[in-house]
């Protein structure tokens, strides 16, 4: 399963790549909404893990545009406590679910495996 992880926090991206790769996932990263949308357009991802709060294009707008490009791409939102309302808007916009940051890696893995099982 090839995952695109989108977050503007470099340390978080490095941690997620390390943890997901150790569990057998192929991982690509984007540190901005613009970069994520370029990568979505090229395709090849089974799911996207997307931070809601980012400078520039925020996660909800990235979600809207990504769904316009690849409607079938499952998107899992990550949000801090302060932006749960935005995450709920994201689910209404087409995200499969949202998780609160800091996300326990086992919760993220479980959600990604659920997404993979639904695609089969």
PDB file of N, CA and C in Angstrom:
ATOM      1  N   UNK A   1       0.852  -1.181   0.000  1.00  0.00           N
ATOM      2  CA  UNK A   1       0.000   0.000   0.000  1.00  0.00           C
ATOM      3  C   UNK A   1       0.896   1.242   0.000  1.00  0.00           C
ATOM      4  N   UNK A   2       0.648   2.145  -0.940  1.00  0.00           N
ATOM      5  CA  UNK A   2       1.454   3.360  -1.077  1.00  0.00           C
ATOM      6  C   UNK A   2       0.668   4.545  -0.500  1.00  0.00           C
ATOM      7  N   UNK A   3       1.246   5.164   0.524  1.00  0.00           N
ATOM      8  CA  UNK A   3       0.589   6.237   1.258  1.00  0.00           C
ATOM      9  C   UNK A   3       1.283   7.564   0.961  1.00  0.00           C
ATOM     10  N   UNK A   4       0.497   8.615   0.742  1.00  0.00           N
ATOM     11  CA  UNK A   4       1.015   9.972   0.666  1.00  0.00           C
ATOM     12  C   UNK A   4       0.705  10.650   1.993  1.00  0.00           C
ATOM     13  N   UNK A   5       1.746  11.065   2.704  1.00  0.00           N
ATOM     14  CA  UNK A   5       1.571  11.765   3.983  1.00  0.00           C
ATOM     15  C   UNK A   5       1.862  13.240   3.743  1.00  0.00           C
ATOM     16  N   UNK A   6       0.904  14.088   4.115  1.00  0.00           N
ATOM     17  CA  UNK A   6       1.011  15.519   3.869  1.00  0.00           C
ATOM     18  C   UNK A   6       0.963  16.273   5.192  1.00  0.00           C
ATOM     19  N   UNK A   7       2.044  16.961   5.511  1.00  0.00           N
ATOM     20  CA  UNK A   7       2.115  17.742   6.750  1.00  0.00           C
ATOM     21  C   UNK A   7       3.230  18.765   6.595  1.00  0.00           C
ATOM     22  N   UNK A   8       3.057  19.940   7.172  1.00  0.00           N
ATOM     23  CA  UNK A   8       4.090  20.968   7.061  1.00  0.00           C
ATOM     24  C   UNK A   8       5.174  20.834   8.131  1.00  0.00           C
ATOM     25  N   UNK A   9       5.010  19.913   9.078  1.00  0.00           N
ATOM     26  CA  UNK A   9       6.003  19.706  10.133  1.00  0.00           C
ATOM     27  C   UNK A   9       6.989  18.615   9.709  1.00  0.00           C
ATOM     28  N   UNK A  10       8.210  19.018   9.427  1.00  0.00           N
ATOM     29  CA  UNK A  10       9.230  18.088   8.917  1.00  0.00           C
ATOM     30  C   UNK A  10       9.484  16.926   9.874  1.00  0.00           C
ATOM     31  N   UNK A  11       9.593  17.204  11.164  1.00  0.00           N
ATOM     32  CA  UNK A  11       9.859  16.135  12.134  1.00  0.00           C
ATOM     33  C   UNK A  11       8.731  15.111  12.148  1.00  0.00           C
ATOM     34  N   UNK A  12       7.491  15.576  12.050  1.00  0.00           N
ATOM     35  CA  UNK A  12       6.353  14.675  12.016  1.00  0.00           C
ATOM     36  C   UNK A  12       6.417  13.788  10.772  1.00  0.00           C
ATOM     37  N   UNK A  13       6.742  14.396   9.624  1.00  0.00           N
ATOM     38  CA  UNK A  13       6.855  13.619   8.385  1.00  0.00           C
ATOM     39  C   UNK A  13       7.911  12.528   8.512  1.00  0.00           C
ATOM     40  N   UNK A  14       9.079  12.885   9.040  1.00  0.00           N
ATOM     41  CA  UNK A  14      10.156  11.904   9.199  1.00  0.00           C
ATOM     42  C   UNK A  14       9.731  10.760  10.108  1.00  0.00           C
ATOM     43  N   UNK A  15       9.066  11.091  11.200  1.00  0.00           N
ATOM     44  CA  UNK A  15       8.593  10.080  12.141  1.00  0.00           C
ATOM     45  C   UNK A  15       7.580   9.149  11.467  1.00  0.00           C
ATOM     46  N   UNK A  16       6.634   9.722  10.730  1.00  0.00           N
ATOM     47  CA  UNK A  16       5.606   8.913  10.071  1.00  0.00           C
ATOM     48  C   UNK A  16       6.213   8.005   9.009  1.00  0.00           C
ATOM     49  N   UNK A  17       7.135   8.536   8.223  1.00  0.00           N
ATOM     50  CA  UNK A  17       7.790   7.724   7.194  1.00  0.00           C
ATOM     51  C   UNK A  17       8.473   6.534   7.853  1.00  0.00           C
ATOM     52  N   UNK A  18       9.244   6.798   8.865  1.00  0.00           N
ATOM     53  CA  UNK A  18       9.975   5.746   9.574  1.00  0.00           C
ATOM     54  C   UNK A  18       9.014   4.681  10.105  1.00  0.00           C
ATOM     55  N   UNK A  19       7.990   5.106  10.805  1.00  0.00           N
ATOM     56  CA  UNK A  19       7.057   4.149  11.424  1.00  0.00           C
ATOM     57  C   UNK A  19       6.236   3.375  10.403  1.00  0.00           C
ATOM     58  N   UNK A  20       5.782   4.047   9.367  1.00  0.00           N
ATOM     59  CA  UNK A  20       4.979   3.359   8.357  1.00  0.00           C
ATOM     60  C   UNK A  20       5.826   2.401   7.522  1.00  0.00           C
ATOM     61  N   UNK A  21       7.034   2.810   7.163  1.00  0.00           N
ATOM     62  CA  UNK A  21       7.903   1.921   6.386  1.00  0.00           C
ATOM     63  C   UNK A  21       8.265   0.677   7.180  1.00  0.00           C
ATOM     64  N   UNK A  22       8.486   0.817   8.474  1.00  0.00           N
ATOM     65  CA  UNK A  22       8.790  -0.347   9.318  1.00  0.00           C
ATOM     66  C   UNK A  22       7.646  -1.349   9.335  1.00  0.00           C
ATOM     67  N   UNK A  23       6.440  -0.871   9.034  1.00  0.00           N
ATOM     68  CA  UNK A  23       5.269  -1.745   9.025  1.00  0.00           C
ATOM     69  C   UNK A  23       4.859  -2.157   7.615  1.00  0.00           C
ATOM     70  N   UNK A  24       5.761  -1.928   6.658  1.00  0.00           N
ATOM     71  CA  UNK A  24       5.553  -2.452   5.319  1.00  0.00           C
ATOM     72  C   UNK A  24       4.857  -1.543   4.328  1.00  0.00           C
ATOM     73  N   UNK A  25       4.606  -0.290   4.691  1.00  0.00           N
ATOM     74  CA  UNK A  25       3.959   0.631   3.769  1.00  0.00           C
ATOM     75  C   UNK A  25       5.005   1.346   2.921  1.00  0.00           C
ATOM     76  N   UNK A  26       4.669   1.616   1.685  1.00  0.00           N
ATOM     77  CA  UNK A  26       5.474   2.512   0.850  1.00  0.00           C
ATOM     78  C   UNK A  26       4.960   3.916   1.160  1.00  0.00           C
ATOM     79  N   UNK A  27       5.866   4.855   1.384  1.00  0.00           N
ATOM     80  CA  UNK A  27       5.453   6.185   1.827  1.00  0.00           C
ATOM     81  C   UNK A  27       6.120   7.268   0.986  1.00  0.00           C
ATOM     82  N   UNK A  28       5.314   8.226   0.545  1.00  0.00           N
ATOM     83  CA  UNK A  28       5.808   9.452  -0.071  1.00  0.00           C
ATOM     84  C   UNK A  28       5.310  10.599   0.790  1.00  0.00           C
ATOM     85  N   UNK A  29       6.017  11.714   0.765  1.00  0.00           N
ATOM     86  CA  UNK A  29       5.624  12.842   1.600  1.00  0.00           C
ATOM     87  C   UNK A  29       5.512  14.125   0.792  1.00  0.00           C
ATOM     88  N   UNK A  30       4.656  15.003   1.289  1.00  0.00           N
ATOM     89  CA  UNK A  30       4.529  16.359   0.758  1.00  0.00           C
ATOM     90  C   UNK A  30       4.477  17.289   1.965  1.00  0.00           C
ATOM     91  N   UNK A  31       5.203  18.401   1.873  1.00  0.00           N
ATOM     92  CA  UNK A  31       5.243  19.321   3.004  1.00  0.00           C
ATOM     93  C   UNK A  31       4.363  20.548   2.799  1.00  0.00           C
ATOM     94  N   UNK A  32       3.580  20.556   1.722  1.00  0.00           N
ATOM     95  CA  UNK A  32       2.648  21.659   1.479  1.00  0.00           C
ATOM     96  C   UNK A  32       1.459  21.146   0.675  1.00  0.00           C
ATOM     97  N   UNK A  33       0.393  21.911   0.721  1.00  0.00           N
ATOM     98  CA  UNK A  33      -0.785  21.555  -0.052  1.00  0.00           C
ATOM     99  C   UNK A  33      -0.513  21.550  -1.548  1.00  0.00           C
ATOM    100  N   UNK A  34       0.259  22.542  -1.999  1.00  0.00           N
ATOM    101  CA  UNK A  34       0.584  22.633  -3.423  1.00  0.00           C
ATOM    102  C   UNK A  34       1.347  21.396  -3.889  1.00  0.00           C
ATOM    103  N   UNK A  35       2.338  21.002  -3.111  1.00  0.00           N
ATOM    104  CA  UNK A  35       3.140  19.820  -3.453  1.00  0.00           C
ATOM    105  C   UNK A  35       2.263  18.565  -3.451  1.00  0.00           C
ATOM    106  N   UNK A  36       1.384  18.459  -2.466  1.00  0.00           N
ATOM    107  CA  UNK A  36       0.492  17.294  -2.383  1.00  0.00           C
ATOM    108  C   UNK A  36      -0.388  17.188  -3.618  1.00  0.00           C
ATOM    109  N   UNK A  37      -0.949  18.306  -4.046  1.00  0.00           N
ATOM    110  CA  UNK A  37      -1.837  18.277  -5.213  1.00  0.00           C
ATOM    111  C   UNK A  37      -1.081  17.897  -6.484  1.00  0.00           C
ATOM    112  N   UNK A  38       0.148  18.371  -6.628  1.00  0.00           N
ATOM    113  CA  UNK A  38       0.969  17.953  -7.775  1.00  0.00           C
ATOM    114  C   UNK A  38       1.173  16.441  -7.759  1.00  0.00           C
ATOM    115  N   UNK A  39       1.423  15.900  -6.587  1.00  0.00           N
ATOM    116  CA  UNK A  39       1.677  14.462  -6.461  1.00  0.00           C
ATOM    117  C   UNK A  39       0.399  13.657  -6.696  1.00  0.00           C
ATOM    118  N   UNK A  40      -0.731  14.136  -6.206  1.00  0.00           N
ATOM    119  CA  UNK A  40      -2.010  13.453  -6.419  1.00  0.00           C
ATOM    120  C   UNK A  40      -2.318  13.400  -7.913  1.00  0.00           C
ATOM    121  N   UNK A  41      -2.031  14.487  -8.605  1.00  0.00           N
ATOM    122  CA  UNK A  41      -2.291  14.530 -10.038  1.00  0.00           C
ATOM    123  C   UNK A  41      -1.503  13.450 -10.783  1.00  0.00           C
ATOM    124  N   UNK A  42      -0.287  13.186 -10.340  1.00  0.00           N
ATOM    125  CA  UNK A  42       0.540  12.153 -10.977  1.00  0.00           C
ATOM    126  C   UNK A  42       0.047  10.756 -10.634  1.00  0.00           C
ATOM    127  N   UNK A  43      -0.648  10.613  -9.501  1.00  0.00           N
ATOM    128  CA  UNK A  43      -1.260   9.338  -9.129  1.00  0.00           C
ATOM    129  C   UNK A  43      -0.314   8.360  -8.472  1.00  0.00           C
ATOM    130  N   UNK A  44      -0.811   7.135  -8.295  1.00  0.00           N
ATOM    131  CA  UNK A  44      -0.009   6.057  -7.736  1.00  0.00           C
ATOM    132  C   UNK A  44      -0.169   5.837  -6.241  1.00  0.00           C
ATOM    133  N   UNK A  45      -1.103   6.547  -5.607  1.00  0.00           N
ATOM    134  CA  UNK A  45      -1.285   6.394  -4.164  1.00  0.00           C
ATOM    135  C   UNK A  45      -2.556   5.621  -3.853  1.00  0.00           C
ATOM    136  N   UNK A  46      -2.469   4.800  -2.813  1.00  0.00           N
ATOM    137  CA  UNK A  46      -3.640   4.047  -2.352  1.00  0.00           C
ATOM    138  C   UNK A  46      -4.423   4.819  -1.303  1.00  0.00           C
ATOM    139  N   UNK A  47      -3.770   5.777  -0.644  1.00  0.00           N
ATOM    140  CA  UNK A  47      -4.432   6.604   0.366  1.00  0.00           C
ATOM    141  C   UNK A  47      -3.563   7.820   0.656  1.00  0.00           C
ATOM    142  N   UNK A  48      -4.212   8.845   1.198  1.00  0.00           N
ATOM    143  CA  UNK A  48      -3.496  10.051   1.616  1.00  0.00           C
ATOM    144  C   UNK A  48      -3.829  10.329   3.077  1.00  0.00           C
ATOM    145  N   UNK A  49      -2.789  10.623   3.859  1.00  0.00           N
ATOM    146  CA  UNK A  49      -2.935  11.057   5.245  1.00  0.00           C
ATOM    147  C   UNK A  49      -2.612  12.544   5.225  1.00  0.00           C
ATOM    148  N   UNK A  50      -3.583  13.368   5.590  1.00  0.00           N
ATOM    149  CA  UNK A  50      -3.518  14.800   5.331  1.00  0.00           C
ATOM    150  C   UNK A  50      -3.760  15.616   6.588  1.00  0.00           C
ATOM    151  N   UNK A  51      -2.802  16.475   6.927  1.00  0.00           N
ATOM    152  CA  UNK A  51      -2.968  17.388   8.053  1.00  0.00           C
ATOM    153  C   UNK A  51      -3.962  18.476   7.664  1.00  0.00           C
ATOM    154  N   UNK A  52      -4.849  18.825   8.593  1.00  0.00           N
ATOM    155  CA  UNK A  52      -5.856  19.848   8.315  1.00  0.00           C
ATOM    156  C   UNK A  52      -5.248  21.240   8.334  1.00  0.00           C
ATOM    157  N   UNK A  53      -4.415  21.511   9.327  1.00  0.00           N
ATOM    158  CA  UNK A  53      -3.904  22.874   9.511  1.00  0.00           C
ATOM    159  C   UNK A  53      -2.501  23.007   8.936  1.00  0.00           C
ATOM    160  N   UNK A  54      -2.426  23.713   7.804  1.00  0.00           N
ATOM    161  CA  UNK A  54      -1.147  23.971   7.147  1.00  0.00           C
ATOM    162  C   UNK A  54      -1.168  25.388   6.589  1.00  0.00           C
ATOM    163  N   UNK A  55      -0.004  26.022   6.486  1.00  0.00           N
ATOM    164  CA  UNK A  55       0.037  27.346   5.849  1.00  0.00           C
ATOM    165  C   UNK A  55      -0.224  27.217   4.349  1.00  0.00           C
ATOM    166  N   UNK A  56      -0.629  28.306   3.739  1.00  0.00           N
ATOM    167  CA  UNK A  56      -0.944  28.252   2.310  1.00  0.00           C
ATOM    168  C   UNK A  56      -2.287  27.572   2.121  1.00  0.00           C
ATOM    169  N   UNK A  57      -2.313  26.564   1.301  1.00  0.00           N
ATOM    170  CA  UNK A  57      -3.548  25.812   1.081  1.00  0.00           C
ATOM    171  C   UNK A  57      -3.746  24.873   2.270  1.00  0.00           C
ATOM    172  N   UNK A  58      -4.832  25.058   3.017  1.00  0.00           N
ATOM    173  CA  UNK A  58      -5.049  24.189   4.181  1.00  0.00           C
ATOM    174  C   UNK A  58      -5.553  22.813   3.742  1.00  0.00           C
ATOM    175  N   UNK A  59      -5.596  21.897   4.703  1.00  0.00           N
ATOM    176  CA  UNK A  59      -5.952  20.520   4.404  1.00  0.00           C
ATOM    177  C   UNK A  59      -7.336  20.337   3.809  1.00  0.00           C
ATOM    178  N   UNK A  60      -8.302  21.138   4.249  1.00  0.00           N
ATOM    179  CA  UNK A  60      -9.668  20.997   3.725  1.00  0.00           C
ATOM    180  C   UNK A  60      -9.705  21.378   2.244  1.00  0.00           C
ATOM    181  N   UNK A  61      -8.989  22.425   1.878  1.00  0.00           N
ATOM    182  CA  UNK A  61      -8.937  22.825   0.466  1.00  0.00           C
ATOM    183  C   UNK A  61      -8.159  21.798  -0.359  1.00  0.00           C
ATOM    184  N   UNK A  62      -7.087  21.249   0.207  1.00  0.00           N
ATOM    185  CA  UNK A  62      -6.349  20.181  -0.479  1.00  0.00           C
ATOM    186  C   UNK A  62      -7.285  18.995  -0.716  1.00  0.00           C
ATOM    187  N   UNK A  63      -8.066  18.646   0.302  1.00  0.00           N
ATOM    188  CA  UNK A  63      -9.026  17.551   0.175  1.00  0.00           C
ATOM    189  C   UNK A  63     -10.004  17.820  -0.964  1.00  0.00           C
ATOM    190  N   UNK A  64     -10.588  19.006  -0.979  1.00  0.00           N
ATOM    191  CA  UNK A  64     -11.559  19.348  -2.039  1.00  0.00           C
ATOM    192  C   UNK A  64     -10.933  19.186  -3.427  1.00  0.00           C
ATOM    193  N   UNK A  65      -9.745  19.758  -3.588  1.00  0.00           N
ATOM    194  CA  UNK A  65      -9.092  19.708  -4.897  1.00  0.00           C
ATOM    195  C   UNK A  65      -8.639  18.292  -5.253  1.00  0.00           C
ATOM    196  N   UNK A  66      -8.127  17.557  -4.262  1.00  0.00           N
ATOM    197  CA  UNK A  66      -7.680  16.184  -4.515  1.00  0.00           C
ATOM    198  C   UNK A  66      -8.858  15.307  -4.945  1.00  0.00           C
ATOM    199  N   UNK A  67     -10.010  15.510  -4.316  1.00  0.00           N
ATOM    200  CA  UNK A  67     -11.197  14.735  -4.684  1.00  0.00           C
ATOM    201  C   UNK A  67     -11.661  15.089  -6.102  1.00  0.00           C
ATOM    202  N   UNK A  68     -11.406  16.322  -6.524  1.00  0.00           N
ATOM    203  CA  UNK A  68     -11.715  16.710  -7.902  1.00  0.00           C
ATOM    204  C   UNK A  68     -10.791  16.038  -8.903  1.00  0.00           C
ATOM    205  N   UNK A  69      -9.557  15.782  -8.480  1.00  0.00           N
ATOM    206  CA  UNK A  69      -8.565  15.152  -9.349  1.00  0.00           C
ATOM    207  C   UNK A  69      -8.723  13.633  -9.338  1.00  0.00           C
ATOM    208  N   UNK A  70      -8.810  13.066  -8.145  1.00  0.00           N
ATOM    209  CA  UNK A  70      -8.912  11.613  -7.956  1.00  0.00           C
ATOM    210  C   UNK A  70     -10.002  11.314  -6.930  1.00  0.00           C
ATOM    211  N   UNK A  71     -11.257  11.275  -7.366  1.00  0.00           N
ATOM    212  CA  UNK A  71     -12.368  11.071  -6.419  1.00  0.00           C
ATOM    213  C   UNK A  71     -12.286   9.755  -5.639  1.00  0.00           C
ATOM    214  N   UNK A  72     -11.602   8.773  -6.204  1.00  0.00           N
ATOM    215  CA  UNK A  72     -11.518   7.460  -5.564  1.00  0.00           C
ATOM    216  C   UNK A  72     -10.447   7.389  -4.477  1.00  0.00           C
ATOM    217  N   UNK A  73      -9.591   8.406  -4.363  1.00  0.00           N
ATOM    218  CA  UNK A  73      -8.484   8.382  -3.399  1.00  0.00           C
ATOM    219  C   UNK A  73      -9.008   8.544  -1.972  1.00  0.00           C
ATOM    220  N   UNK A  74      -8.805   7.531  -1.113  1.00  0.00           N
ATOM    221  CA  UNK A  74      -9.220   7.669   0.283  1.00  0.00           C
ATOM    222  C   UNK A  74      -8.293   8.655   1.005  1.00  0.00           C
ATOM    223  N   UNK A  75      -8.899   9.588   1.735  1.00  0.00           N
ATOM    224  CA  UNK A  75      -8.136  10.599   2.471  1.00  0.00           C
ATOM    225  C   UNK A  75      -8.490  10.500   3.950  1.00  0.00           C
ATOM    226  N   UNK A  76      -7.463  10.369   4.771  1.00  0.00           N
ATOM    227  CA  UNK A  76      -7.601  10.323   6.224  1.00  0.00           C
ATOM    228  C   UNK A  76      -7.019  11.614   6.766  1.00  0.00           C
ATOM    229  N   UNK A  77      -7.829  12.390   7.469  1.00  0.00           N
ATOM    230  CA  UNK A  77      -7.387  13.677   7.989  1.00  0.00           C
ATOM    231  C   UNK A  77      -6.754  13.534   9.365  1.00  0.00           C
ATOM    232  N   UNK A  78      -5.741  14.361   9.614  1.00  0.00           N
ATOM    233  CA  UNK A  78      -5.137  14.474  10.940  1.00  0.00           C
ATOM    234  C   UNK A  78      -5.391  15.890  11.428  1.00  0.00           C
ATOM    235  N   UNK A  79      -5.827  16.004  12.672  1.00  0.00           N
ATOM    236  CA  UNK A  79      -6.148  17.317  13.194  1.00  0.00           C
ATOM    237  C   UNK A  79      -5.785  17.441  14.664  1.00  0.00           C
ATOM    238  N   UNK A  80      -5.489  18.660  15.077  1.00  0.00           N
ATOM    239  CA  UNK A  80      -5.303  18.949  16.486  1.00  0.00           C
ATOM    240  C   UNK A  80      -6.669  19.149  17.130  1.00  0.00           C
ATOM    241  N   UNK A  81      -6.716  19.167  18.436  1.00  0.00           N
ATOM    242  CA  UNK A  81      -7.990  19.316  19.149  1.00  0.00           C
ATOM    243  C   UNK A  81      -8.747  20.572  18.724  1.00  0.00           C
ATOM    244  N   UNK A  82      -8.013  21.640  18.423  1.00  0.00           N
ATOM    245  CA  UNK A  82      -8.650  22.917  18.110  1.00  0.00           C
ATOM    246  C   UNK A  82      -9.372  22.909  16.766  1.00  0.00           C
ATOM    247  N   UNK A  83      -9.076  21.953  15.907  1.00  0.00           N
ATOM    248  CA  UNK A  83      -9.697  21.975  14.585  1.00  0.00           C
ATOM    249  C   UNK A  83     -10.537  20.737  14.285  1.00  0.00           C
ATOM    250  N   UNK A  84     -11.144  20.170  15.317  1.00  0.00           N
ATOM    251  CA  UNK A  84     -12.015  19.016  15.115  1.00  0.00           C
ATOM    252  C   UNK A  84     -13.197  19.393  14.219  1.00  0.00           C
ATOM    253  N   UNK A  85     -13.714  20.599  14.387  1.00  0.00           N
ATOM    254  CA  UNK A  85     -14.820  21.055  13.541  1.00  0.00           C
ATOM    255  C   UNK A  85     -14.420  21.043  12.065  1.00  0.00           C
ATOM    256  N   UNK A  86     -13.202  21.487  11.788  1.00  0.00           N
ATOM    257  CA  UNK A  86     -12.709  21.465  10.410  1.00  0.00           C
ATOM    258  C   UNK A  86     -12.604  20.030   9.906  1.00  0.00           C
ATOM    259  N   UNK A  87     -12.165  19.122  10.762  1.00  0.00           N
ATOM    260  CA  UNK A  87     -12.057  17.721  10.354  1.00  0.00           C
ATOM    261  C   UNK A  87     -13.429  17.140  10.032  1.00  0.00           C
ATOM    262  N   UNK A  88     -14.423  17.520  10.810  1.00  0.00           N
ATOM    263  CA  UNK A  88     -15.780  17.038  10.530  1.00  0.00           C
ATOM    264  C   UNK A  88     -16.274  17.587   9.189  1.00  0.00           C
ATOM    265  N   UNK A  89     -15.924  18.830   8.894  1.00  0.00           N
ATOM    266  CA  UNK A  89     -16.230  19.396   7.575  1.00  0.00           C
ATOM    267  C   UNK A  89     -15.522  18.584   6.498  1.00  0.00           C
ATOM    268  N   UNK A  90     -14.296  18.168   6.787  1.00  0.00           N
ATOM    269  CA  UNK A  90     -13.543  17.347   5.850  1.00  0.00           C
ATOM    270  C   UNK A  90     -14.222  16.024   5.561  1.00  0.00           C
ATOM    271  N   UNK A  91     -14.769  15.400   6.583  1.00  0.00           N
ATOM    272  CA  UNK A  91     -15.485  14.132   6.384  1.00  0.00           C
ATOM    273  C   UNK A  91     -16.703  14.380   5.499  1.00  0.00           C
ATOM    274  N   UNK A  92     -17.391  15.492   5.732  1.00  0.00           N
ATOM    275  CA  UNK A  92     -18.542  15.844   4.884  1.00  0.00           C
ATOM    276  C   UNK A  92     -18.091  16.110   3.444  1.00  0.00           C
ATOM    277  N   UNK A  93     -16.848  16.544   3.274  1.00  0.00           N
ATOM    278  CA  UNK A  93     -16.300  16.858   1.949  1.00  0.00           C
ATOM    279  C   UNK A  93     -15.778  15.622   1.229  1.00  0.00           C
ATOM    280  N   UNK A  94     -15.603  14.524   1.943  1.00  0.00           N
ATOM    281  CA  UNK A  94     -15.170  13.302   1.272  1.00  0.00           C
ATOM    282  C   UNK A  94     -14.053  12.534   1.940  1.00  0.00           C
ATOM    283  N   UNK A  95     -13.525  13.020   3.059  1.00  0.00           N
ATOM    284  CA  UNK A  95     -12.511  12.247   3.781  1.00  0.00           C
ATOM    285  C   UNK A  95     -13.161  11.003   4.380  1.00  0.00           C
ATOM    286  N   UNK A  96     -12.397   9.914   4.467  1.00  0.00           N
ATOM    287  CA  UNK A  96     -12.952   8.688   5.033  1.00  0.00           C
ATOM    288  C   UNK A  96     -13.078   8.777   6.545  1.00  0.00           C
ATOM    289  N   UNK A  97     -12.221   9.574   7.187  1.00  0.00           N
ATOM    290  CA  UNK A  97     -12.253   9.699   8.643  1.00  0.00           C
ATOM    291  C   UNK A  97     -11.221  10.736   9.064  1.00  0.00           C
ATOM    292  N   UNK A  98     -11.142  10.981  10.365  1.00  0.00           N
ATOM    293  CA  UNK A  98     -10.095  11.840  10.894  1.00  0.00           C
ATOM    294  C   UNK A  98      -9.578  11.268  12.201  1.00  0.00           C
ATOM    295  N   UNK A  99      -8.329  11.579  12.502  1.00  0.00           N
ATOM    296  CA  UNK A  99      -7.685  11.180  13.749  1.00  0.00           C
ATOM    297  C   UNK A  99      -7.091  12.417  14.398  1.00  0.00           C
ATOM    298  N   UNK A 100      -7.063  12.427  15.722  1.00  0.00           N
ATOM    299  CA  UNK A 100      -6.485  13.552  16.450  1.00  0.00           C
ATOM    300  C   UNK A 100      -4.983  13.392  16.587  1.00  0.00           C
ATOM    301  N   UNK A 101      -4.263  14.501  16.406  1.00  0.00           N
ATOM    302  CA  UNK A 101      -2.815  14.524  16.621  1.00  0.00           C
ATOM    303  C   UNK A 101      -2.547  14.832  18.088  1.00  0.00           C
ATOM    304  N   UNK A 102      -1.539  14.274  18.684  1.00  0.00           N
ATOM    305  CA  UNK A 102      -0.625  13.300  18.090  1.00  0.00           C
ATOM    306  C   UNK A 102      -1.319  11.944  17.963  1.00  0.00           C
ATOM    307  N   UNK A 103      -1.239  11.354  16.804  1.00  0.00           N
ATOM    308  CA  UNK A 103      -1.947  10.109  16.524  1.00  0.00           C
ATOM    309  C   UNK A 103      -1.102   8.910  16.960  1.00  0.00           C
ATOM    310  N   UNK A 104      -1.687   8.022  17.769  1.00  0.00           N
ATOM    311  CA  UNK A 104      -0.972   6.779  18.085  1.00  0.00           C
ATOM    312  C   UNK A 104      -0.778   5.975  16.796  1.00  0.00           C
ATOM    313  N   UNK A 105       0.436   5.520  16.561  1.00  0.00           N
ATOM    314  CA  UNK A 105       0.754   4.851  15.296  1.00  0.00           C
ATOM    315  C   UNK A 105      -0.130   3.629  15.059  1.00  0.00           C
ATOM    316  N   UNK A 106      -0.481   2.901  16.105  1.00  0.00           N
ATOM    317  CA  UNK A 106      -1.333   1.723  15.915  1.00  0.00           C
ATOM    318  C   UNK A 106      -2.733   2.101  15.435  1.00  0.00           C
ATOM    319  N   UNK A 107      -3.237   3.259  15.876  1.00  0.00           N
ATOM    320  CA  UNK A 107      -4.539   3.733  15.392  1.00  0.00           C
ATOM    321  C   UNK A 107      -4.459   4.081  13.904  1.00  0.00           C
ATOM    322  N   UNK A 108      -3.379   4.749  13.520  1.00  0.00           N
ATOM    323  CA  UNK A 108      -3.195   5.109  12.113  1.00  0.00           C
ATOM    324  C   UNK A 108      -3.065   3.861  11.242  1.00  0.00           C
ATOM    325  N   UNK A 109      -2.272   2.905  11.688  1.00  0.00           N
ATOM    326  CA  UNK A 109      -2.094   1.646  10.947  1.00  0.00           C
ATOM    327  C   UNK A 109      -3.437   0.931  10.793  1.00  0.00           C
ATOM    328  N   UNK A 110      -4.205   0.883  11.856  1.00  0.00           N
ATOM    329  CA  UNK A 110      -5.514   0.208  11.807  1.00  0.00           C
ATOM    330  C   UNK A 110      -6.430   0.876  10.779  1.00  0.00           C
ATOM    331  N   UNK A 111      -6.458   2.201  10.763  1.00  0.00           N
ATOM    332  CA  UNK A 111      -7.303   2.915   9.796  1.00  0.00           C
ATOM    333  C   UNK A 111      -6.821   2.671   8.372  1.00  0.00           C
ATOM    334  N   UNK A 112      -5.501   2.678   8.160  1.00  0.00           N
ATOM    335  CA  UNK A 112      -4.972   2.432   6.820  1.00  0.00           C
ATOM    336  C   UNK A 112      -5.277   1.012   6.364  1.00  0.00           C
ATOM    337  N   UNK A 113      -5.210   0.070   7.264  1.00  0.00           N
ATOM    338  CA  UNK A 113      -5.550  -1.320   6.897  1.00  0.00           C
ATOM    339  C   UNK A 113      -7.032  -1.452   6.579  1.00  0.00           C
ATOM    340  N   UNK A 114      -7.879  -0.718   7.307  1.00  0.00           N
ATOM    341  CA  UNK A 114      -9.315  -0.707   6.994  1.00  0.00           C
ATOM    342  C   UNK A 114      -9.548  -0.168   5.579  1.00  0.00           C
ATOM    343  N   UNK A 115      -8.836   0.903   5.246  1.00  0.00           N
ATOM    344  CA  UNK A 115      -8.949   1.491   3.904  1.00  0.00           C
ATOM    345  C   UNK A 115      -8.528   0.483   2.841  1.00  0.00           C
ATOM    346  N   UNK A 116      -7.415  -0.206   3.093  1.00  0.00           N
ATOM    347  CA  UNK A 116      -6.919  -1.212   2.138  1.00  0.00           C
ATOM    348  C   UNK A 116      -7.937  -2.332   1.972  1.00  0.00           C
ATOM    349  N   UNK A 117      -8.534  -2.772   3.069  1.00  0.00           N
ATOM    350  CA  UNK A 117      -9.512  -3.859   3.007  1.00  0.00           C
ATOM    351  C   UNK A 117     -10.761  -3.438   2.210  1.00  0.00           C
ATOM    352  N   UNK A 118     -11.176  -2.193   2.342  1.00  0.00           N
ATOM    353  CA  UNK A 118     -12.333  -1.707   1.603  1.00  0.00           C
ATOM    354  C   UNK A 118     -12.062  -1.627   0.109  1.00  0.00           C
ATOM    355  N   UNK A 119     -10.798  -1.387  -0.264  1.00  0.00           N
ATOM    356  CA  UNK A 119     -10.454  -1.264  -1.683  1.00  0.00           C
ATOM    357  C   UNK A 119     -10.412  -2.623  -2.376  1.00  0.00           C
ATOM    358  N   UNK A 120     -10.242  -3.691  -1.603  1.00  0.00           N
ATOM    359  CA  UNK A 120     -10.102  -5.037  -2.214  1.00  0.00           C
ATOM    360  C   UNK A 120     -11.398  -5.613  -2.672  1.00  0.00           C
TER     361      UNK A 120
END
